[in-house]
Protein backbone atom coordinates (compact mmCIF):
# COMPACT_ATOMS: atom_id res chain seq x y z
CA MET A 1 5.09 25.71 14.47
CA PRO A 2 8.60 24.91 14.72
CA ASP A 3 11.11 26.51 12.46
CA SER A 4 12.81 24.47 9.36
CA LEU A 5 15.38 22.18 10.55
CA ARG A 6 17.35 22.94 7.27
CA SER A 7 17.89 26.62 6.05
CA ASP A 8 17.20 25.86 2.24
CA ARG A 9 13.82 23.77 2.92
CA ASP A 10 10.13 25.27 3.18
CA SER A 11 8.01 24.05 5.73
CA ILE A 12 4.25 23.48 6.11
CA GLU A 13 2.21 22.39 9.22
CA TYR A 14 -0.38 20.10 9.90
CA ASP A 15 -2.13 18.49 12.85
CA ALA A 16 -1.10 14.96 11.25
CA VAL A 17 0.99 13.86 8.65
CA ILE A 18 0.52 10.15 7.16
CA VAL A 19 3.37 8.53 5.30
CA GLY A 20 2.03 6.07 2.74
CA ALA A 21 -1.52 5.86 0.72
CA GLY A 22 -1.89 2.42 1.52
CA PRO A 23 -5.12 0.88 3.04
CA ALA A 24 -4.09 1.87 6.57
CA GLY A 25 -3.02 5.41 5.61
CA LEU A 26 -6.16 6.30 3.67
CA ALA A 27 -8.45 4.86 6.40
CA CYS A 28 -6.61 6.71 9.11
CA ALA A 29 -7.20 9.93 7.02
CA ILE A 30 -10.55 9.24 6.17
CA ARG A 31 -11.61 8.43 10.08
CA LEU A 32 -9.88 11.28 11.26
CA LYS A 33 -12.09 13.58 8.83
CA GLN A 34 -15.05 11.74 9.71
CA ILE A 35 -14.60 12.57 13.15
CA ASP A 36 -13.26 16.32 13.07
CA PRO A 37 -13.46 18.27 9.59
CA GLU A 38 -11.48 20.71 10.81
CA ILE A 39 -8.13 18.14 11.65
CA ASN A 40 -5.75 18.90 9.04
CA VAL A 41 -4.41 16.13 7.45
CA CYS A 42 -1.85 15.27 4.78
CA ILE A 43 -0.70 11.98 3.02
CA LEU A 44 2.77 11.49 1.31
CA GLU A 45 3.05 8.71 -1.13
CA LYS A 46 6.02 7.66 -2.56
CA GLY A 47 4.35 6.43 -5.76
CA SER A 48 3.83 8.53 -8.86
CA GLU A 49 0.06 8.11 -7.87
CA VAL A 50 -1.85 6.34 -5.38
CA GLY A 51 -1.84 2.86 -5.92
CA ALA A 52 1.44 2.61 -8.14
CA HIS A 53 3.08 0.76 -5.23
CA ILE A 54 0.24 -1.02 -4.18
CA LEU A 55 0.31 -4.91 -4.93
CA SER A 56 -1.84 -7.41 -3.07
CA GLY A 57 -3.48 -10.89 -3.74
CA ALA A 58 -5.99 -9.87 -2.84
CA VAL A 59 -9.43 -10.95 -1.09
CA LEU A 60 -10.91 -8.33 1.18
CA GLU A 61 -12.38 -9.40 4.30
CA MET A 62 -15.49 -6.65 4.42
CA ARG A 63 -15.50 -5.89 8.18
CA ALA A 64 -13.21 -2.64 8.22
CA PHE A 65 -14.25 -1.39 5.06
CA GLU A 66 -17.89 -1.75 6.04
CA GLU A 67 -17.14 0.09 9.51
CA LEU A 68 -15.45 2.76 7.53
CA PHE A 69 -18.17 3.07 4.72
CA PRO A 70 -21.22 1.69 6.12
CA ASP A 71 -23.32 3.05 3.12
CA TRP A 72 -20.89 1.73 0.73
CA ARG A 73 -23.33 -0.12 -1.81
CA ASN A 74 -24.97 3.35 -2.24
CA MET A 75 -21.62 5.12 -3.18
CA ASP A 76 -20.32 5.79 -6.89
CA GLY A 77 -17.54 3.66 -8.34
CA VAL A 78 -16.57 1.34 -5.60
CA PRO A 79 -14.29 -1.08 -7.26
CA LEU A 80 -15.88 -4.11 -5.68
CA HIS A 81 -17.08 -6.35 -8.60
CA THR A 82 -16.51 -10.04 -7.59
CA GLN A 83 -17.61 -11.85 -4.30
CA ALA A 84 -15.65 -14.82 -3.70
CA THR A 85 -18.21 -17.73 -4.29
CA TRP A 86 -16.23 -21.01 -4.22
CA ASP A 87 -13.01 -21.89 -1.95
CA ARG A 88 -10.57 -24.77 -2.42
CA PHE A 89 -7.51 -25.77 -0.30
CA LEU A 90 -5.11 -28.20 -2.10
CA PHE A 91 -1.79 -29.94 -1.15
CA LEU A 92 0.50 -30.30 -4.24
CA THR A 93 2.68 -32.97 -5.23
CA GLU A 94 4.96 -32.71 -7.96
CA LYS A 95 2.10 -34.36 -10.12
CA THR A 96 -1.07 -34.15 -8.16
CA ALA A 97 -3.31 -31.94 -6.47
CA ILE A 98 -4.99 -33.14 -3.13
CA LYS A 99 -8.03 -31.37 -2.01
CA LEU A 100 -7.74 -30.73 1.76
CA PRO A 101 -10.63 -29.63 4.45
CA LEU A 102 -10.95 -25.97 4.44
CA PRO A 103 -9.57 -24.50 7.57
CA PRO A 104 -12.17 -21.94 9.11
CA GLN A 105 -9.78 -18.86 8.73
CA MET A 106 -9.85 -19.54 4.72
CA ARG A 107 -13.39 -19.38 4.29
CA ASN A 108 -14.35 -16.44 2.22
CA HIS A 109 -18.16 -16.23 2.08
CA GLY A 110 -19.11 -12.63 1.92
CA ASN A 111 -15.66 -11.37 0.92
CA TYR A 112 -14.39 -9.70 -2.18
CA ILE A 113 -11.70 -10.42 -4.48
CA ILE A 114 -10.02 -7.27 -5.57
CA SER A 115 -7.35 -5.18 -6.99
CA LEU A 116 -6.07 -3.23 -4.04
CA GLY A 117 -4.44 -0.69 -6.06
CA ASN A 118 -7.68 0.07 -7.45
CA LEU A 119 -9.39 0.40 -3.78
CA THR A 120 -7.06 2.62 -2.74
CA ARG A 121 -7.08 4.91 -5.73
CA TRP A 122 -10.82 5.05 -4.89
CA MET A 123 -10.26 5.52 -1.15
CA ALA A 124 -8.22 8.26 -2.08
CA MET A 125 -10.78 10.02 -4.00
CA GLN A 126 -12.98 9.69 -0.94
CA ALA A 127 -10.12 11.15 1.59
CA GLU A 128 -9.67 14.15 -0.72
CA ALA A 129 -13.68 14.84 -1.04
CA LEU A 130 -13.32 14.88 2.85
CA GLY A 131 -10.67 17.65 2.66
CA VAL A 132 -7.54 15.46 3.05
CA GLU A 133 -4.40 16.69 1.20
CA ILE A 134 -2.72 13.73 -0.73
CA PHE A 135 0.83 14.35 -2.28
CA PRO A 136 1.93 11.81 -4.68
CA GLY A 137 5.56 11.55 -5.82
CA PHE A 138 6.78 12.80 -2.62
CA ALA A 139 8.85 10.05 -0.65
CA ALA A 140 9.32 10.68 3.00
CA ALA A 141 13.03 10.39 3.68
CA GLU A 142 13.71 11.69 6.98
CA LEU A 143 12.09 12.05 10.44
CA LEU A 144 12.44 15.58 11.74
CA CYS A 145 12.87 15.74 15.62
CA ASN A 146 13.20 18.43 18.23
CA GLU A 147 15.94 19.15 20.65
CA GLU A 148 14.52 16.26 22.85
CA GLY A 149 14.78 13.79 20.11
CA ALA A 150 10.78 13.48 19.53
CA VAL A 151 9.27 13.35 16.25
CA ILE A 152 7.70 16.65 14.85
CA GLY A 153 7.23 15.51 11.29
CA VAL A 154 8.80 14.31 8.18
CA ALA A 155 11.36 15.61 5.25
CA THR A 156 10.72 14.73 1.66
CA GLY A 157 13.85 13.68 -0.22
CA ASP A 158 15.78 16.44 -2.41
CA MET A 159 15.45 16.07 -5.77
CA GLY A 160 17.80 16.57 -8.58
CA LEU A 161 20.90 14.96 -7.09
CA ASP A 162 23.21 13.03 -9.40
CA SER A 163 24.78 9.49 -8.94
CA GLN A 164 27.30 10.89 -6.47
CA GLY A 165 25.00 12.86 -4.55
CA ASN A 166 25.87 16.19 -6.36
CA LYS A 167 23.09 18.97 -6.87
CA THR A 168 22.42 19.20 -10.64
CA ASP A 169 20.88 22.41 -12.47
CA GLY A 170 17.57 20.71 -11.84
CA PHE A 171 18.15 20.49 -7.77
CA GLU A 172 15.03 20.89 -5.52
CA PRO A 173 15.22 20.71 -1.70
CA GLY A 174 12.73 18.59 -0.03
CA MET A 175 9.85 19.99 1.75
CA GLU A 176 9.50 20.09 5.57
CA ILE A 177 6.07 18.74 7.05
CA HIS A 178 5.62 19.43 10.48
CA ALA A 179 2.71 17.59 12.25
CA ARG A 180 1.75 17.43 15.77
CA GLN A 181 1.46 13.49 15.12
CA THR A 182 3.49 11.55 12.27
CA ILE A 183 1.71 8.03 11.19
CA LEU A 184 4.02 5.85 9.38
CA ALA A 185 2.08 3.59 7.42
CA GLU A 186 4.53 2.71 5.00
CA GLY A 187 3.81 -1.02 4.65
CA CYS A 188 6.02 -3.80 5.26
CA HIS A 189 9.84 -2.88 6.51
CA GLY A 190 9.27 0.62 5.99
CA SER A 191 12.35 2.78 5.66
CA LEU A 192 11.03 5.27 8.31
CA THR A 193 9.77 2.95 10.51
CA LYS A 194 13.03 0.99 10.55
CA ILE A 195 14.72 4.11 11.70
CA ALA A 196 11.86 4.86 14.38
CA ALA A 197 12.35 1.39 15.74
CA LYS A 198 15.98 1.75 16.18
CA ARG A 199 15.75 5.27 17.71
CA TYR A 200 13.11 4.30 20.04
CA ASP A 201 13.77 0.68 21.01
CA LEU A 202 10.35 -0.32 19.71
CA ARG A 203 11.42 -3.93 19.74
CA ALA A 204 12.72 -4.41 23.12
CA ALA A 205 9.64 -6.36 24.28
CA SER A 206 8.84 -8.06 20.98
CA ASP A 207 10.09 -10.99 18.97
CA PRO A 208 12.09 -10.13 15.79
CA GLN A 209 9.60 -9.56 12.51
CA THR A 210 9.42 -12.69 10.33
CA TYR A 211 8.58 -11.92 6.61
CA GLY A 212 7.27 -13.38 3.31
CA LEU A 213 7.94 -12.53 -0.08
CA GLY A 214 4.67 -12.45 -2.20
CA ILE A 215 5.14 -12.60 -6.20
CA LYS A 216 2.38 -11.73 -8.17
CA GLU A 217 1.37 -12.08 -11.71
CA LEU A 218 -2.00 -10.70 -13.46
CA TRP A 219 -3.13 -12.95 -16.46
CA GLU A 220 -5.72 -12.82 -18.92
CA ILE A 221 -7.08 -16.37 -19.61
CA GLU A 222 -9.53 -17.95 -21.79
CA PRO A 223 -13.11 -17.21 -21.04
CA GLY A 224 -13.98 -20.81 -20.96
CA LYS A 225 -11.56 -21.33 -18.14
CA HIS A 226 -12.71 -18.22 -16.02
CA THR A 227 -14.86 -19.06 -13.11
CA PRO A 228 -15.12 -15.32 -11.32
CA GLY A 229 -15.19 -15.61 -7.58
CA SER A 230 -13.09 -18.70 -7.33
CA VAL A 231 -10.53 -18.75 -4.87
CA ILE A 232 -7.96 -21.31 -4.56
CA HIS A 233 -4.77 -21.65 -2.15
CA THR A 234 -1.98 -24.36 -2.52
CA ILE A 235 0.89 -25.60 0.06
CA GLY A 236 3.42 -28.42 -0.79
CA TRP A 237 5.19 -28.56 -4.00
CA PRO A 238 6.94 -26.97 -5.23
CA MET A 239 8.63 -26.20 -1.63
CA ASP A 240 10.49 -28.80 0.14
CA ARG A 241 9.21 -29.90 3.51
CA LYS A 242 11.55 -27.47 5.43
CA THR A 243 10.59 -24.15 3.59
CA TYR A 244 7.17 -22.24 4.39
CA GLY A 245 5.22 -21.24 1.32
CA GLY A 246 2.19 -21.31 -0.80
CA SER A 247 0.05 -20.15 -3.46
CA TRP A 248 -3.03 -18.55 -4.42
CA ILE A 249 -5.61 -18.27 -7.53
CA TYR A 250 -8.11 -15.72 -7.63
CA HIS A 251 -10.61 -15.16 -10.49
CA LEU A 252 -11.43 -11.76 -10.74
CA GLU A 253 -13.84 -10.01 -13.57
CA ASP A 254 -13.23 -9.78 -17.13
CA ASN A 255 -11.37 -12.97 -17.55
CA LEU A 256 -8.61 -11.94 -15.26
CA VAL A 257 -6.77 -13.99 -12.75
CA SER A 258 -4.51 -13.11 -9.89
CA ILE A 259 -1.65 -15.95 -9.52
CA GLY A 260 0.93 -15.68 -6.91
CA PHE A 261 3.25 -17.36 -4.58
CA VAL A 262 4.57 -16.57 -1.13
CA VAL A 263 7.85 -17.83 0.14
CA GLY A 264 8.66 -17.31 3.84
CA LEU A 265 12.10 -15.56 4.17
CA ASP A 266 13.11 -17.72 7.05
CA TYR A 267 14.22 -20.30 4.27
CA GLN A 268 17.77 -21.92 4.89
CA ASN A 269 18.89 -22.71 1.55
CA PRO A 270 20.84 -19.77 0.03
CA TYR A 271 20.21 -21.31 -3.34
CA LEU A 272 16.64 -21.03 -3.35
CA SER A 273 15.20 -18.35 -5.34
CA PRO A 274 11.53 -17.30 -4.49
CA TYR A 275 11.07 -16.27 -8.25
CA GLU A 276 12.10 -19.42 -9.87
CA GLU A 277 9.91 -21.10 -7.25
CA MET A 278 6.98 -19.18 -8.55
CA GLN A 279 7.62 -19.94 -12.14
CA ARG A 280 8.02 -23.69 -11.39
CA PHE A 281 4.70 -23.57 -9.74
CA LYS A 282 2.91 -22.54 -12.75
CA THR A 283 4.07 -25.81 -14.43
CA HIS A 284 2.17 -27.95 -12.24
CA PRO A 285 -0.38 -30.19 -14.13
CA ALA A 286 -3.21 -28.68 -12.02
CA ILE A 287 -2.03 -24.93 -12.81
CA ARG A 288 -0.63 -24.80 -16.13
CA PRO A 289 -3.76 -25.50 -18.15
CA LEU A 290 -5.39 -22.65 -16.51
CA LEU A 291 -2.78 -20.50 -18.16
CA GLU A 292 -2.22 -21.97 -21.49
CA GLY A 293 -3.75 -19.86 -24.20
CA GLY A 294 -3.74 -16.74 -21.81
CA ARG A 295 -1.43 -13.88 -21.44
CA ARG A 296 0.31 -12.46 -18.61
CA VAL A 297 -0.58 -8.61 -18.23
CA ALA A 298 1.02 -7.59 -15.04
CA TYR A 299 3.83 -8.62 -12.37
CA GLY A 300 5.17 -7.45 -9.05
CA ALA A 301 6.40 -8.32 -5.67
CA ARG A 302 6.48 -7.46 -2.22
CA ALA A 303 7.41 -8.69 1.18
CA LEU A 304 4.56 -9.06 3.81
CA SER A 305 5.08 -9.38 7.69
CA GLU A 306 4.33 -12.77 9.10
CA GLY A 307 5.29 -12.56 12.65
CA GLY A 308 1.63 -11.84 14.02
CA LEU A 309 1.18 -10.81 17.60
CA GLN A 310 4.57 -11.95 19.15
CA SER A 311 6.30 -9.59 16.60
CA ILE A 312 4.19 -6.84 16.65
CA PRO A 313 6.38 -3.64 18.30
CA LYS A 314 5.64 -0.73 20.64
CA LEU A 315 3.16 0.95 18.55
CA ALA A 316 3.53 4.77 19.52
CA PHE A 317 6.65 6.84 20.22
CA PRO A 318 7.18 10.41 20.85
CA GLY A 319 5.46 12.23 18.20
CA GLY A 320 4.08 9.27 16.22
CA LEU A 321 2.89 6.04 15.82
CA LEU A 322 2.56 2.82 13.48
CA ILE A 323 -0.19 1.42 11.68
CA GLY A 324 -0.88 -1.28 9.11
CA ASP A 325 2.03 -3.61 7.93
CA SER A 326 4.55 -1.11 9.22
CA ALA A 327 3.26 -2.59 12.55
CA GLY A 328 2.68 -5.92 11.29
CA PHE A 329 -0.85 -6.94 11.80
CA LEU A 330 -1.15 -9.58 8.70
CA ASN A 331 -3.21 -12.40 9.53
CA VAL A 332 -1.15 -15.22 8.18
CA PRO A 333 -3.80 -18.16 8.64
CA LYS A 334 -6.33 -15.95 6.66
CA ILE A 335 -3.96 -15.10 4.16
CA LYS A 336 -5.38 -11.40 4.61
CA GLY A 337 -3.97 -8.18 6.13
CA ASN A 338 -5.74 -5.47 4.31
CA HIS A 339 -8.72 -5.45 6.70
CA THR A 340 -6.55 -5.11 9.84
CA ALA A 341 -4.63 -2.57 8.22
CA MET A 342 -7.62 -0.67 7.85
CA LYS A 343 -9.06 -1.11 11.12
CA SER A 344 -5.67 -0.09 12.57
CA GLY A 345 -5.56 3.35 10.83
CA MET A 346 -9.17 3.79 12.05
CA VAL A 347 -8.30 2.76 15.60
CA ALA A 348 -5.41 5.32 15.06
CA ALA A 349 -7.69 7.88 13.84
CA GLU A 350 -10.40 7.69 16.87
CA THR A 351 -7.45 7.82 19.56
CA LEU A 352 -5.72 10.83 17.56
CA ALA A 353 -8.66 12.88 17.29
CA ALA A 354 -9.21 12.62 21.06
CA TRP A 355 -5.47 13.18 21.71
CA LEU A 356 -5.51 16.24 19.28
CA ALA A 357 -8.65 17.89 20.69
CA ALA A 358 -7.12 17.27 24.40
CA ASN A 359 -3.46 18.39 23.70
CA LYS A 360 -3.86 21.76 21.75
CA ASP A 361 -0.18 23.07 20.57
CA VAL A 362 1.35 20.06 22.09
CA TRP A 363 4.22 18.54 19.78
CA GLY A 364 6.37 15.48 20.12
CA VAL A 365 4.38 13.66 22.70
CA GLU A 366 3.55 10.22 22.62
CA CYS A 367 -0.15 8.92 22.14
CA GLY A 368 -0.20 6.27 24.80
CA ALA A 369 -3.74 5.35 24.22
CA TYR A 370 -3.59 4.18 20.70
CA PRO A 371 -1.56 0.88 21.63
CA ASP A 372 -4.08 0.02 24.40
CA ALA A 373 -7.01 0.87 22.08
CA ILE A 374 -5.39 -1.54 19.63
CA ARG A 375 -5.29 -4.14 22.31
CA GLN A 376 -9.11 -3.65 23.03
CA SER A 377 -9.82 -3.99 19.21
CA TRP A 378 -10.80 -7.27 17.21
CA ILE A 379 -7.10 -6.87 15.53
CA TRP A 380 -5.65 -8.00 18.83
CA SER A 381 -8.13 -10.79 19.71
CA GLU A 382 -8.05 -12.18 16.19
CA LEU A 383 -4.28 -12.25 16.14
CA LYS A 384 -4.08 -13.88 19.32
CA LYS A 385 -6.40 -16.92 18.40
CA VAL A 386 -3.49 -17.63 15.64
CA ARG A 387 -0.41 -16.36 16.87
CA ASN A 388 1.00 -20.14 17.23
CA ILE A 389 0.21 -21.07 13.61
CA ARG A 390 2.93 -19.26 11.27
CA PRO A 391 6.06 -19.99 13.86
CA GLY A 392 4.58 -23.74 13.88
CA PHE A 393 6.20 -24.02 10.74
CA HIS A 394 9.65 -23.26 11.78
CA LYS A 395 9.70 -26.94 12.50
CA GLY A 396 8.66 -28.12 9.06
CA LEU A 397 5.58 -28.69 6.88
CA TRP A 398 4.13 -31.60 8.59
CA VAL A 399 4.67 -30.22 12.50
CA GLY A 400 3.26 -26.88 11.02
CA LEU A 401 0.06 -28.41 9.77
CA LEU A 402 -0.45 -30.72 12.83
CA ASN A 403 0.05 -27.30 15.06
CA ALA A 404 -2.05 -25.36 12.92
CA VAL A 405 -5.04 -28.16 13.52
CA PHE A 406 -4.19 -28.21 17.33
CA GLU A 407 -4.40 -24.22 17.20
CA THR A 408 -7.54 -24.16 15.26
CA LEU A 409 -9.33 -26.66 17.13
CA THR A 410 -8.29 -25.00 20.75
CA GLY A 411 -9.14 -21.34 19.55
CA GLY A 412 -5.49 -20.10 20.29
CA LEU A 413 -5.99 -21.07 24.01
CA ALA A 414 -2.52 -22.89 24.46
CA PRO A 415 -0.81 -21.42 27.51
CA TRP A 416 2.42 -20.57 25.46
CA THR A 417 3.50 -18.56 22.62
CA LEU A 418 5.93 -19.70 20.01
CA LYS A 419 8.92 -17.28 19.25
CA ASN A 420 9.87 -15.88 15.83
CA HIS A 421 13.63 -15.60 14.91
CA ALA A 422 15.41 -13.17 12.42
CA ASP A 423 15.01 -14.28 8.89
CA HIS A 424 18.78 -13.36 7.71
CA ALA A 425 20.18 -15.28 10.63
CA GLN A 426 18.29 -18.61 9.19
CA LEU A 427 20.56 -19.06 5.80
CA GLN A 428 22.66 -21.64 5.87
CA LYS A 429 26.37 -21.47 4.44
CA ALA A 430 26.40 -22.64 1.03
CA ALA A 431 28.96 -25.44 1.70
CA GLN A 432 26.15 -27.14 3.77
CA ALA A 433 23.43 -26.35 1.24
CA GLN A 434 22.14 -28.48 -1.87
CA LYS A 435 22.27 -26.34 -5.15
CA ILE A 436 18.82 -25.98 -6.80
CA SER A 437 18.52 -26.42 -10.59
CA TYR A 438 15.54 -24.64 -12.00
CA PRO A 439 14.36 -25.39 -15.42
CA LYS A 440 14.88 -22.49 -18.43
CA PRO A 441 11.66 -20.12 -19.02
CA ASP A 442 9.72 -21.15 -21.87
CA GLY A 443 8.44 -17.62 -22.75
CA MET A 444 4.80 -18.77 -22.76
CA ILE A 445 4.05 -19.69 -19.18
CA THR A 446 7.30 -19.21 -17.42
CA PHE A 447 9.46 -16.12 -17.93
CA ASP A 448 12.88 -14.57 -16.92
CA ARG A 449 13.35 -11.96 -14.39
CA LEU A 450 14.05 -8.93 -16.79
CA THR A 451 11.22 -9.90 -18.76
CA SER A 452 8.99 -9.97 -15.51
CA VAL A 453 10.17 -6.61 -14.59
CA SER A 454 8.99 -5.25 -17.87
CA PHE A 455 5.70 -6.26 -16.96
CA SER A 456 5.71 -4.11 -13.39
CA GLY A 457 5.72 -0.42 -15.23
CA THR A 458 9.02 0.13 -12.93
CA ASN A 459 11.26 3.25 -13.93
CA HIS A 460 13.76 4.71 -11.97
CA ALA A 461 16.04 7.91 -13.09
CA GLU A 462 19.43 6.67 -13.84
CA ASN A 463 21.43 9.71 -12.69
CA GLN A 464 20.33 9.76 -8.96
CA PRO A 465 22.05 8.45 -5.94
CA CYS A 466 21.49 4.49 -5.54
CA HIS A 467 18.70 3.88 -3.13
CA LEU A 468 20.11 0.40 -2.27
CA GLN A 469 22.95 1.71 -0.08
CA LEU A 470 25.98 -1.04 1.10
CA VAL A 471 26.98 -0.56 4.64
CA ASP A 472 30.39 -2.03 3.66
CA PRO A 473 31.09 -2.51 0.16
CA SER A 474 33.66 -5.31 0.62
CA VAL A 475 30.91 -7.47 2.16
CA PRO A 476 29.28 -8.84 -0.91
CA VAL A 477 32.32 -10.29 -2.29
CA ALA A 478 34.67 -10.98 0.91
CA VAL A 479 31.71 -12.64 2.87
CA ASN A 480 28.50 -13.35 1.07
CA LEU A 481 30.05 -14.59 -1.88
CA LYS A 482 32.55 -16.66 0.05
CA GLU A 483 30.17 -17.99 2.44
CA TYR A 484 26.72 -17.98 0.95
CA ASP A 485 27.62 -17.76 -2.86
CA GLU A 486 25.90 -14.61 -2.62
CA PRO A 487 22.35 -15.00 -2.35
CA ALA A 488 21.11 -11.70 -3.61
CA GLN A 489 21.55 -13.07 -7.01
CA ARG A 490 18.50 -15.49 -6.15
CA TYR A 491 16.45 -13.62 -3.75
CA CYS A 492 15.85 -10.55 -5.32
CA PRO A 493 12.67 -10.92 -7.81
CA ALA A 494 13.82 -8.32 -10.09
CA GLY A 495 17.14 -9.24 -11.09
CA VAL A 496 18.93 -6.05 -9.29
CA TYR A 497 21.99 -7.81 -7.67
CA GLU A 498 24.44 -9.75 -10.19
CA ILE A 499 27.91 -11.03 -9.49
CA VAL A 500 30.30 -9.91 -12.36
CA LYS A 501 33.79 -9.96 -13.38
CA ASP A 502 35.85 -6.66 -13.71
CA GLU A 503 38.63 -6.44 -16.44
CA ALA A 504 41.13 -7.78 -13.77
CA GLY A 505 38.93 -10.99 -13.65
CA GLN A 506 38.13 -9.97 -9.69
CA SER A 507 34.28 -10.64 -8.52
CA ARG A 508 32.14 -7.68 -7.71
CA LEU A 509 28.51 -6.66 -6.78
CA GLN A 510 26.74 -5.24 -9.52
CA ILE A 511 23.41 -3.33 -8.46
CA ASN A 512 20.71 -2.74 -11.25
CA ALA A 513 18.84 -0.45 -9.14
CA GLN A 514 16.63 0.90 -11.87
CA ASN A 515 15.09 -2.75 -12.09
CA CYS A 516 14.07 -2.48 -8.11
CA VAL A 517 10.36 -2.99 -7.38
CA HIS A 518 10.83 -1.84 -3.94
CA CYS A 519 9.85 -5.29 -2.28
CA LYS A 520 12.51 -4.82 0.60
CA THR A 521 13.46 -8.37 0.25
CA CYS A 522 17.22 -7.32 0.05
CA ASP A 523 17.06 -5.53 3.19
CA ILE A 524 15.34 -8.22 5.08
CA LYS A 525 17.09 -11.34 4.01
CA ASP A 526 20.75 -10.29 3.30
CA PRO A 527 22.85 -12.62 5.66
CA SER A 528 25.20 -9.53 6.66
CA GLN A 529 22.70 -6.97 7.08
CA ASN A 530 24.54 -5.08 4.62
CA ILE A 531 22.09 -3.50 2.42
CA ASN A 532 19.94 -0.65 3.43
CA TRP A 533 16.75 0.04 1.15
CA VAL A 534 15.84 3.93 1.27
CA PRO A 535 13.63 5.64 -0.85
CA PRO A 536 14.77 6.94 -4.31
CA GLN A 537 13.10 10.19 -6.10
CA GLY A 538 9.72 10.34 -5.36
CA GLY A 539 7.53 9.03 -8.33
CA ASP A 540 10.20 6.17 -9.10
CA GLY A 541 9.84 2.46 -8.78
CA PRO A 542 6.98 0.32 -9.94
CA ASN A 543 3.78 1.54 -11.58
CA TYR A 544 1.42 -1.14 -10.87
CA PRO A 545 -1.92 -1.48 -13.00
CA ASN A 546 -4.82 -3.39 -11.42
CA MET A 547 -2.70 -4.89 -8.65
């Protein structure tokens, strides 16, 4: 076992450490223990509990789940209550809703409408029953490397630092978790994944990742309007024809409806606000009546990886590998990624179990079998068929729809692969863009951002270092405000960023870090790439119920 890399930190050793207790990380841990109960596995989860930071639509395609739990129907407490029974795909204009033919990728027969947060809570119980050690409230803040530069584990963040980074009376150093293999399952745009990608040049042979921002609300509606099992998706209004986006409306059990909107973060207009587009969407004549008389019970947001096959980076590096949305296995046309996330974790476990057995006491070595196994799995074939659909929308809605029809009819057999481009580079200068006037919230169907954040359970200790780091503090005003009218004021769905005047009347960027819902949009979309999102103290952030 390696010595602690910092003298004030204790260390502990495992065969595998998994960063993130989402569907990918939990599936990986469970499969490792199913294969070999003697493998020592732990999971670090930055949320206060498993599921606290989990947000998804979500309709679960059952393929991977049934591979992992073939006898799930006879297991206790499985939170699969509502089977999808009815699909509808709509094109919205400002006043009308036009029914469209249902693409085969969007047919949900046999799938379940779920709370992914509750499913991960259940999966965590199954993992612990198998002997997996799960540590919620511990954010992995650092990749540990040996003298050769290979990863040999992670360190959790120090606790009890004040806002200036000084030790308080409650200071506790982080813990070093040493492992023969480190599995990054952080979800979209993870902080350690970003470090690993840069350090090991994991994107050298792939396109830049492109992202969407998903904003979700959970509503309890009037019983007479509730149709359990209904799955509705929309495109069109309120998006303009140049901007990729769409919505979902899923009817769960107990009069609950999951309603959400996704905006592609390759949008061009710096005055666009994904949050306000979501609020405006709810006012559509086909949507508003569903919510009237109901009450909103939860709110949240998160980024999602939309790049598909051509944006998947190299999946293994010395001492570790990427799974789930850390790698970017989302199937955009299906509007699903939980099944591919789970499967990637299972494939990783199967290759790692064999690697660990064959490489006793080996540290910091790349598991080259994992990327090959992913390419041989159904994940790869599924994503290959649809690889050109999302980038087809770079040319606008109509070209994107025509391209999607072509790619669907040909099964993705086109001899070309369309390219993705970095989202932050797509933003127009403010002088070239048209300002967007959004209606004021009515407090019944539409709401302001601060009210919405109060429905996310978000909490951060105030006296701690800011986890939203500016590479150059002068850039927000000198560059972003001057050239883009500081888009952070609008792309953040939690009201974290504000331009305010100081006593001398000079503009400055105010960061309300306590509002952050950990969506990572700022790190992705900032046109100057000047914001670095890092984990706050473990346990801080949103506390999503039933999301």
